[in-house]
C-alpha atoms as a PDB file:
ATOM      1  CA  MET A   1      33.241  14.774-123.002  1.00  0.00           C
ATOM      2  CA  THR A   2      29.616  15.763-123.522  1.00  0.00           C
ATOM      3  CA  SER A   3      28.875  18.989-121.703  1.00  0.00           C
ATOM      4  CA  VAL A   4      26.322  18.627-118.931  1.00  0.00           C
ATOM      5  CA  ILE A   5      26.988  22.032-117.403  1.00  0.00           C
ATOM      6  CA  THR A   6      24.471  24.748-118.200  1.00  0.00           C
ATOM      7  CA  CYS A   7      26.042  28.226-118.257  1.00  0.00           C
ATOM      8  CA  LEU A   8      25.048  31.896-118.434  1.00  0.00           C
ATOM      9  CA  HIS A   9      27.702  34.505-119.217  1.00  0.00           C
ATOM     10  CA  HIS A  10      27.747  38.018-117.754  1.00  0.00           C
ATOM     11  CA  ASN A  11      30.683  39.869-119.298  1.00  0.00           C
ATOM     12  CA  THR A  12      32.131  43.192-118.208  1.00  0.00           C
ATOM     13  CA  THR A  13      32.549  46.014-120.693  1.00  0.00           C
ATOM     14  CA  SER A  14      36.200  46.272-119.664  1.00  0.00           C
ATOM     15  CA  ASP A  15      38.828  45.528-122.300  1.00  0.00           C
ATOM     16  CA  ASP A  16      41.461  44.820-119.637  1.00  0.00           C
ATOM     17  CA  ASP A  17      43.646  41.948-120.860  1.00  0.00           C
ATOM     18  CA  ASP A  18      44.176  40.919-117.220  1.00  0.00           C
ATOM     19  CA  ARG A  19      40.506  40.500-116.394  1.00  0.00           C
ATOM     20  CA  VAL A  20      39.259  37.732-114.120  1.00  0.00           C
ATOM     21  CA  LEU A  21      36.891  34.932-115.070  1.00  0.00           C
ATOM     22  CA  LEU A  22      34.690  34.226-112.052  1.00  0.00           C
ATOM     23  CA  VAL A  23      32.966  30.827-112.164  1.00  0.00           C
ATOM     24  CA  MET A  24      29.857  30.651-109.971  1.00  0.00           C
ATOM     25  CA  LEU A  25      28.890  27.164-108.790  1.00  0.00           C
ATOM     26  CA  PRO A  26      25.457  26.634-107.206  1.00  0.00           C
ATOM     27  CA  GLY A  27      24.090  24.458-104.463  1.00  0.00           C
ATOM     28  CA  ALA A  28      21.649  21.641-105.133  1.00  0.00           C
ATOM     29  CA  GLY A  29      18.339  22.842-106.557  1.00  0.00           C
ATOM     30  CA  ILE A  30      19.682  26.254-107.600  1.00  0.00           C
ATOM     31  CA  GLY A  31      19.156  27.262-111.244  1.00  0.00           C
ATOM     32  CA  VAL A  32      21.704  28.874-113.520  1.00  0.00           C
ATOM     33  CA  GLY A  33      19.751  32.133-113.548  1.00  0.00           C
ATOM     34  CA  ASP A  34      19.434  32.369-109.761  1.00  0.00           C
ATOM     35  CA  PHE A  35      22.827  34.046-109.308  1.00  0.00           C
ATOM     36  CA  ALA A  36      21.574  37.058-111.272  1.00  0.00           C
ATOM     37  CA  GLU A  37      18.039  36.923-109.861  1.00  0.00           C
ATOM     38  CA  HIS A  38      19.298  37.053-106.262  1.00  0.00           C
ATOM     39  CA  GLY A  39      21.814  39.860-106.799  1.00  0.00           C
ATOM     40  CA  MET A  40      25.089  37.926-106.790  1.00  0.00           C
ATOM     41  CA  VAL A  41      26.031  39.090-110.296  1.00  0.00           C
ATOM     42  CA  ALA A  42      24.965  42.701-109.693  1.00  0.00           C
ATOM     43  CA  ALA A  43      27.049  42.829-106.499  1.00  0.00           C
ATOM     44  CA  VAL A  44      30.156  42.166-108.616  1.00  0.00           C
ATOM     45  CA  GLN A  45      29.162  44.581-111.365  1.00  0.00           C
ATOM     46  CA  GLU A  46      28.616  47.368-108.825  1.00  0.00           C
ATOM     47  CA  GLN A  47      32.304  47.119-107.946  1.00  0.00           C
ATOM     48  CA  ARG A  48      33.187  48.093-111.540  1.00  0.00           C
ATOM     49  CA  LEU A  49      35.931  45.497-111.701  1.00  0.00           C
ATOM     50  CA  ALA A  50      37.393  43.798-114.764  1.00  0.00           C
ATOM     51  CA  ILE A  51      35.588  40.544-114.006  1.00  0.00           C
ATOM     52  CA  ASP A  52      33.655  38.374-116.433  1.00  0.00           C
ATOM     53  CA  ILE A  53      31.217  35.937-114.830  1.00  0.00           C
ATOM     54  CA  VAL A  54      30.023  32.531-115.907  1.00  0.00           C
ATOM     55  CA  ALA A  55      27.116  31.271-113.813  1.00  0.00           C
ATOM     56  CA  THR A  56      26.847  27.500-113.982  1.00  0.00           C
ATOM     57  CA  CYS A  57      24.498  24.671-113.138  1.00  0.00           C
ATOM     58  CA  PRO A  58      26.327  21.320-113.240  1.00  0.00           C
ATOM     59  CA  ALA A  59      24.273  18.132-113.298  1.00  0.00           C
ATOM     60  CA  LEU A  60      24.227  16.480-109.876  1.00  0.00           C
ATOM     61  CA  ASP A  61      25.472  13.252-111.477  1.00  0.00           C
ATOM     62  CA  LEU A  62      28.867  14.921-111.890  1.00  0.00           C
ATOM     63  CA  TYR A  63      29.236  15.010-108.110  1.00  0.00           C
ATOM     64  CA  LEU A  64      27.925  11.486-107.680  1.00  0.00           C
ATOM     65  CA  ASP A  65      30.300   9.923-110.207  1.00  0.00           C
ATOM     66  CA  GLY A  66      33.282  12.073-109.197  1.00  0.00           C
ATOM     67  CA  THR A  67      33.757  13.815-112.556  1.00  0.00           C
ATOM     68  CA  ILE A  68      32.808  17.366-111.568  1.00  0.00           C
ATOM     69  CA  ALA A  69      36.414  18.638-111.770  1.00  0.00           C
ATOM     70  CA  GLU A  70      36.994  17.139-115.209  1.00  0.00           C
ATOM     71  CA  ALA A  71      33.678  18.509-116.475  1.00  0.00           C
ATOM     72  CA  LEU A  72      34.435  22.027-115.221  1.00  0.00           C
ATOM     73  CA  HIS A  73      37.870  21.960-116.796  1.00  0.00           C
ATOM     74  CA  CYS A  74      36.680  20.690-120.179  1.00  0.00           C
ATOM     75  CA  SER A  75      33.494  22.766-120.375  1.00  0.00           C
ATOM     76  CA  ILE A  76      34.638  26.071-118.881  1.00  0.00           C
ATOM     77  CA  VAL A  77      38.318  26.473-118.085  1.00  0.00           C
ATOM     78  CA  GLU A  78      39.919  25.015-121.210  1.00  0.00           C
ATOM     79  CA  PRO A  79      37.733  27.085-123.595  1.00  0.00           C
ATOM     80  CA  ALA A  80      38.422  30.181-121.478  1.00  0.00           C
ATOM     81  CA  LEU A  81      42.174  29.575-121.728  1.00  0.00           C
ATOM     82  CA  THR A  82      41.919  29.582-125.522  1.00  0.00           C
ATOM     83  CA  GLN A  83      40.089  32.922-125.254  1.00  0.00           C
ATOM     84  CA  GLY A  84      43.002  34.424-123.347  1.00  0.00           C
ATOM     85  CA  TYR A  85      41.851  34.197-119.734  1.00  0.00           C
ATOM     86  CA  ARG A  86      44.627  33.555-117.233  1.00  0.00           C
ATOM     87  CA  ARG A  87      43.031  34.519-113.926  1.00  0.00           C
ATOM     88  CA  PHE A  88      40.352  32.127-112.617  1.00  0.00           C
ATOM     89  CA  TRP A  89      38.303  32.530-109.439  1.00  0.00           C
ATOM     90  CA  PHE A  90      35.535  30.261-108.188  1.00  0.00           C
ATOM     91  CA  LEU A  91      32.525  31.218-106.085  1.00  0.00           C
ATOM     92  CA  GLY A  92      30.876  28.119-104.648  1.00  0.00           C
ATOM     93  CA  ILE A  93      27.644  28.054-102.661  1.00  0.00           C
ATOM     94  CA  SER A  94      26.790  24.954-100.569  1.00  0.00           C
ATOM     95  CA  LEU A  95      27.388  21.936-102.851  1.00  0.00           C
ATOM     96  CA  GLY A  96      29.038  24.339-105.278  1.00  0.00           C
ATOM     97  CA  GLY A  97      31.634  25.056-102.602  1.00  0.00           C
ATOM     98  CA  LEU A  98      32.534  21.389-102.624  1.00  0.00           C
ATOM     99  CA  GLY A  99      32.717  21.513-106.419  1.00  0.00           C
ATOM    100  CA  ALA A 100      35.102  24.470-106.290  1.00  0.00           C
ATOM    101  CA  LEU A 101      37.335  22.668-103.813  1.00  0.00           C
ATOM    102  CA  LEU A 102      37.277  19.431-105.806  1.00  0.00           C
ATOM    103  CA  TYR A 103      38.293  21.316-108.948  1.00  0.00           C
ATOM    104  CA  THR A 104      41.080  23.131-107.110  1.00  0.00           C
ATOM    105  CA  SER A 105      42.373  19.921-105.556  1.00  0.00           C
ATOM    106  CA  ILE A 106      43.167  18.651-109.065  1.00  0.00           C
ATOM    107  CA  HIS A 107      43.949  21.901-110.898  1.00  0.00           C
ATOM    108  CA  THR A 108      45.497  23.857-108.040  1.00  0.00           C
ATOM    109  CA  THR A 109      47.849  25.966-110.147  1.00  0.00           C
ATOM    110  CA  GLN A 110      44.992  27.002-112.432  1.00  0.00           C
ATOM    111  CA  VAL A 111      43.008  28.741-109.677  1.00  0.00           C
ATOM    112  CA  GLU A 112      43.892  32.174-108.329  1.00  0.00           C
ATOM    113  CA  GLY A 113      41.229  32.262-105.639  1.00  0.00           C
ATOM    114  CA  LEU A 114      38.163  30.685-104.063  1.00  0.00           C
ATOM    115  CA  VAL A 115      35.196  32.182-102.258  1.00  0.00           C
ATOM    116  CA  LEU A 116      33.163  29.567-100.409  1.00  0.00           C
ATOM    117  CA  LEU A 117      29.733  30.487 -99.071  1.00  0.00           C
ATOM    118  CA  ALA A 118      28.254  27.909 -96.681  1.00  0.00           C
ATOM    119  CA  PRO A 119      30.202  25.120 -98.411  1.00  0.00           C
ATOM    120  CA  PHE A 120      29.102  21.505 -98.132  1.00  0.00           C
ATOM    121  CA  LEU A 121      32.191  19.747 -96.765  1.00  0.00           C
ATOM    122  CA  GLY A 122      30.811  16.266 -96.313  1.00  0.00           C
ATOM    123  CA  THR A 123      27.966  14.258 -94.874  1.00  0.00           C
ATOM    124  CA  GLN A 124      26.918  14.545 -91.242  1.00  0.00           C
ATOM    125  CA  GLY A 125      28.950  11.434 -90.485  1.00  0.00           C
ATOM    126  CA  THR A 126      32.054  12.919 -92.076  1.00  0.00           C
ATOM    127  CA  VAL A 127      31.724  16.203 -90.202  1.00  0.00           C
ATOM    128  CA  ALA A 128      31.126  14.299 -86.950  1.00  0.00           C
ATOM    129  CA  GLU A 129      34.295  12.285 -87.537  1.00  0.00           C
ATOM    130  CA  LEU A 130      36.310  15.475 -88.095  1.00  0.00           C
ATOM    131  CA  ALA A 131      34.870  17.010 -84.931  1.00  0.00           C
ATOM    132  CA  GLU A 132      35.635  13.883 -82.891  1.00  0.00           C
ATOM    133  CA  ALA A 133      39.228  14.028 -84.132  1.00  0.00           C
ATOM    134  CA  GLY A 134      39.540  17.583 -82.874  1.00  0.00           C
ATOM    135  CA  GLY A 135      39.181  19.295 -86.232  1.00  0.00           C
ATOM    136  CA  LEU A 136      40.534  19.043 -89.736  1.00  0.00           C
ATOM    137  CA  ALA A 137      44.177  19.596 -88.756  1.00  0.00           C
ATOM    138  CA  SER A 138      44.241  16.640 -86.342  1.00  0.00           C
ATOM    139  CA  TRP A 139      42.068  14.266 -88.403  1.00  0.00           C
ATOM    140  CA  SER A 140      43.864  11.138 -89.657  1.00  0.00           C
ATOM    141  CA  PRO A 141      42.757   9.242 -92.781  1.00  0.00           C
ATOM    142  CA  SER A 142      44.316   6.052 -91.435  1.00  0.00           C
ATOM    143  CA  ARG A 143      41.616   5.875 -88.769  1.00  0.00           C
ATOM    144  CA  SER A 144      38.815   7.155 -90.972  1.00  0.00           C
ATOM    145  CA  SER A 145      35.578   5.493 -91.977  1.00  0.00           C
ATOM    146  CA  VAL A 146      34.623   8.042 -94.671  1.00  0.00           C
ATOM    147  CA  THR A 147      34.564   7.072 -98.337  1.00  0.00           C
ATOM    148  CA  LYS A 148      37.720   7.018-100.434  1.00  0.00           C
ATOM    149  CA  THR A 149      36.511  10.012-102.432  1.00  0.00           C
ATOM    150  CA  GLU A 150      35.978  12.039 -99.260  1.00  0.00           C
ATOM    151  CA  GLN A 151      39.320  10.884 -97.883  1.00  0.00           C
ATOM    152  CA  ARG A 152      41.195  12.083-100.989  1.00  0.00           C
ATOM    153  CA  PHE A 153      39.478  15.462-100.833  1.00  0.00           C
ATOM    154  CA  LEU A 154      40.013  15.909 -97.092  1.00  0.00           C
ATOM    155  CA  VAL A 155      43.671  14.866 -97.281  1.00  0.00           C
ATOM    156  CA  TRP A 156      44.239  17.452-100.003  1.00  0.00           C
ATOM    157  CA  LEU A 157      42.412  20.171 -98.033  1.00  0.00           C
ATOM    158  CA  GLN A 158      44.309  19.306 -94.862  1.00  0.00           C
ATOM    159  CA  GLY A 159      47.653  19.565 -96.649  1.00  0.00           C
ATOM    160  CA  PHE A 160      46.675  22.719 -98.502  1.00  0.00           C
ATOM    161  CA  LEU A 161      45.698  24.525 -95.313  1.00  0.00           C
ATOM    162  CA  ALA A 162      48.826  23.347 -93.516  1.00  0.00           C
ATOM    163  CA  LYS A 163      51.142  24.631 -96.251  1.00  0.00           C
ATOM    164  CA  ARG A 164      49.294  27.930 -96.818  1.00  0.00           C
ATOM    165  CA  PRO A 165      50.572  28.373-100.382  1.00  0.00           C
ATOM    166  CA  ALA A 166      50.651  31.809-101.986  1.00  0.00           C
ATOM    167  CA  CYS A 167      47.932  30.818-104.419  1.00  0.00           C
ATOM    168  CA  PRO A 168      45.050  30.130-104.530  1.00  0.00           C
ATOM    169  CA  ALA A 169      43.619  32.498-101.952  1.00  0.00           C
ATOM    170  CA  LEU A 170      40.718  31.086 -99.944  1.00  0.00           C
ATOM    171  CA  TYR A 171      37.823  33.082 -98.465  1.00  0.00           C
ATOM    172  CA  LEU A 172      34.949  31.666 -96.395  1.00  0.00           C
ATOM    173  CA  GLY A 173      31.550  33.079 -95.472  1.00  0.00           C
ATOM    174  CA  TYR A 174      28.721  31.421 -93.568  1.00  0.00           C
ATOM    175  CA  GLY A 175      25.709  32.099 -91.400  1.00  0.00           C
ATOM    176  CA  ARG A 176      26.086  31.135 -87.769  1.00  0.00           C
ATOM    177  CA  ARG A 177      22.665  29.410 -87.843  1.00  0.00           C
ATOM    178  CA  ASP A 178      23.467  27.485 -91.031  1.00  0.00           C
ATOM    179  CA  ARG A 179      22.726  23.771 -90.737  1.00  0.00           C
ATOM    180  CA  PHE A 180      26.257  23.034 -91.965  1.00  0.00           C
ATOM    181  CA  ALA A 181      27.921  25.540 -89.638  1.00  0.00           C
ATOM    182  CA  GLN A 182      29.800  22.898 -87.627  1.00  0.00           C
ATOM    183  CA  GLY A 183      31.912  22.058 -90.670  1.00  0.00           C
ATOM    184  CA  HIS A 184      32.306  25.737 -91.552  1.00  0.00           C
ATOM    185  CA  ARG A 185      33.678  26.521 -88.115  1.00  0.00           C
ATOM    186  CA  MET A 186      36.301  23.801 -88.435  1.00  0.00           C
ATOM    187  CA  LEU A 187      37.421  25.228 -91.777  1.00  0.00           C
ATOM    188  CA  ALA A 188      37.401  28.768 -90.373  1.00  0.00           C
ATOM    189  CA  GLU A 189      39.776  27.696 -87.598  1.00  0.00           C
ATOM    190  CA  GLN A 190      42.423  27.027 -90.252  1.00  0.00           C
ATOM    191  CA  LEU A 191      42.071  30.387 -92.024  1.00  0.00           C
ATOM    192  CA  PRO A 192      43.281  33.909 -91.177  1.00  0.00           C
ATOM    193  CA  GLY A 193      40.571  35.984 -89.543  1.00  0.00           C
ATOM    194  CA  ASP A 194      40.462  38.486 -92.403  1.00  0.00           C
ATOM    195  CA  ARG A 195      39.537  35.674 -94.793  1.00  0.00           C
ATOM    196  CA  VAL A 196      36.406  34.653 -92.877  1.00  0.00           C
ATOM    197  CA  VAL A 197      33.055  36.473 -92.658  1.00  0.00           C
ATOM    198  CA  THR A 198      30.124  35.316 -90.532  1.00  0.00           C
ATOM    199  CA  ILE A 199      26.715  36.813 -89.882  1.00  0.00           C
ATOM    200  CA  GLU A 200      23.615  35.765 -87.961  1.00  0.00           C
ATOM    201  CA  GLY A 201      21.946  33.903 -90.820  1.00  0.00           C
ATOM    202  CA  GLY A 202      20.966  30.523 -92.168  1.00  0.00           C
ATOM    203  CA  HIS A 203      21.329  28.539 -95.373  1.00  0.00           C
ATOM    204  CA  ASP A 204      19.528  30.951 -97.693  1.00  0.00           C
ATOM    205  CA  TRP A 205      19.988  33.585-100.396  1.00  0.00           C
ATOM    206  CA  GLY A 206      19.614  36.565 -98.076  1.00  0.00           C
ATOM    207  CA  THR A 207      22.509  35.343 -95.965  1.00  0.00           C
ATOM    208  CA  TRP A 208      24.676  34.419 -98.953  1.00  0.00           C
ATOM    209  CA  LEU A 209      24.185  37.801-100.642  1.00  0.00           C
ATOM    210  CA  ALA A 210      25.046  39.682 -97.450  1.00  0.00           C
ATOM    211  CA  LEU A 211      28.177  37.574 -97.013  1.00  0.00           C
ATOM    212  CA  TRP A 212      29.138  38.030-100.673  1.00  0.00           C
ATOM    213  CA  ARG A 213      28.868  41.808-100.401  1.00  0.00           C
ATOM    214  CA  GLN A 214      31.047  41.840 -97.297  1.00  0.00           C
ATOM    215  CA  LEU A 215      33.668  39.677 -98.950  1.00  0.00           C
ATOM    216  CA  LEU A 216      33.662  41.843-102.071  1.00  0.00           C
ATOM    217  CA  ASP A 217      34.291  44.877 -99.854  1.00  0.00           C
ATOM    218  CA  ALA A 218      37.494  43.110 -98.750  1.00  0.00           C
ATOM    219  CA  THR A 219      38.693  43.413-102.400  1.00  0.00           C
ATOM    220  CA  PRO A 220      39.755  39.779-102.849  1.00  0.00           C
ATOM    221  CA  PHE A 221      40.535  40.353-106.541  1.00  0.00           C
ATOM    222  CA  ALA A 222      42.853  43.301-105.968  1.00  0.00           C
ATOM    223  CA  THR A 223      45.992  41.201-105.681  1.00  0.00           C
ATOM    224  CA  LYS A 224      46.939  37.970-107.382  1.00  0.00           C
ATOM    225  CA  GLY A 225      46.879  35.224-104.806  1.00  0.00           C
ATOM    226  CA  GLY A 226      48.185  35.865-101.314  1.00  0.00           C
ATOM    227  CA  ASP A 227      48.501  33.759 -98.212  1.00  0.00           C
ATOM    228  CA  VAL A 228      45.653  31.359 -97.635  1.00  0.00           C
END
């Protein structure tokens, strides 16, 4: 596969053999350098944790043709495995949150944890259908009008949240004035309260950085996995 994922690496000085590789996935229109420019990388480094970071910028076509998971695995995860990494976390913002979930739905055992900030969980029509059904837990694909790709993803997410496996851990942060907040609230309903952070913000970097700092203070990387 030809790589169409631009990456920037920010490695820790730690020589810990058990260090984490944190893959940062952006929303639409966000550049690969924006994670560092807006303080997301520094917020991790301030914690002095054994975490290496790869900031990414996948081509939007990977979402449109449904190959984002395969591209992430071939371009980032497989090479990292050969380098000795065994602990993988994903931070996904907006569309990047969807990318992190799509990757995890296929490579579930490869991912130790996910942090989703204002994740895009589907079109307005999809979110409206979930709300009409009473939420993600009560939604039924047999009566759904969403696309087959969305159905596969939502069925996986529904089952994952119902089973609450030990790994991967799932954290969610969003601004209460975010334009996608309706979908975020439905996801939050299925998560333990200590895995969800909300603030009075919108769909912007200031909100995402504040949420990221709060979630980092909850030490998500301290233990391997945990209940969803």
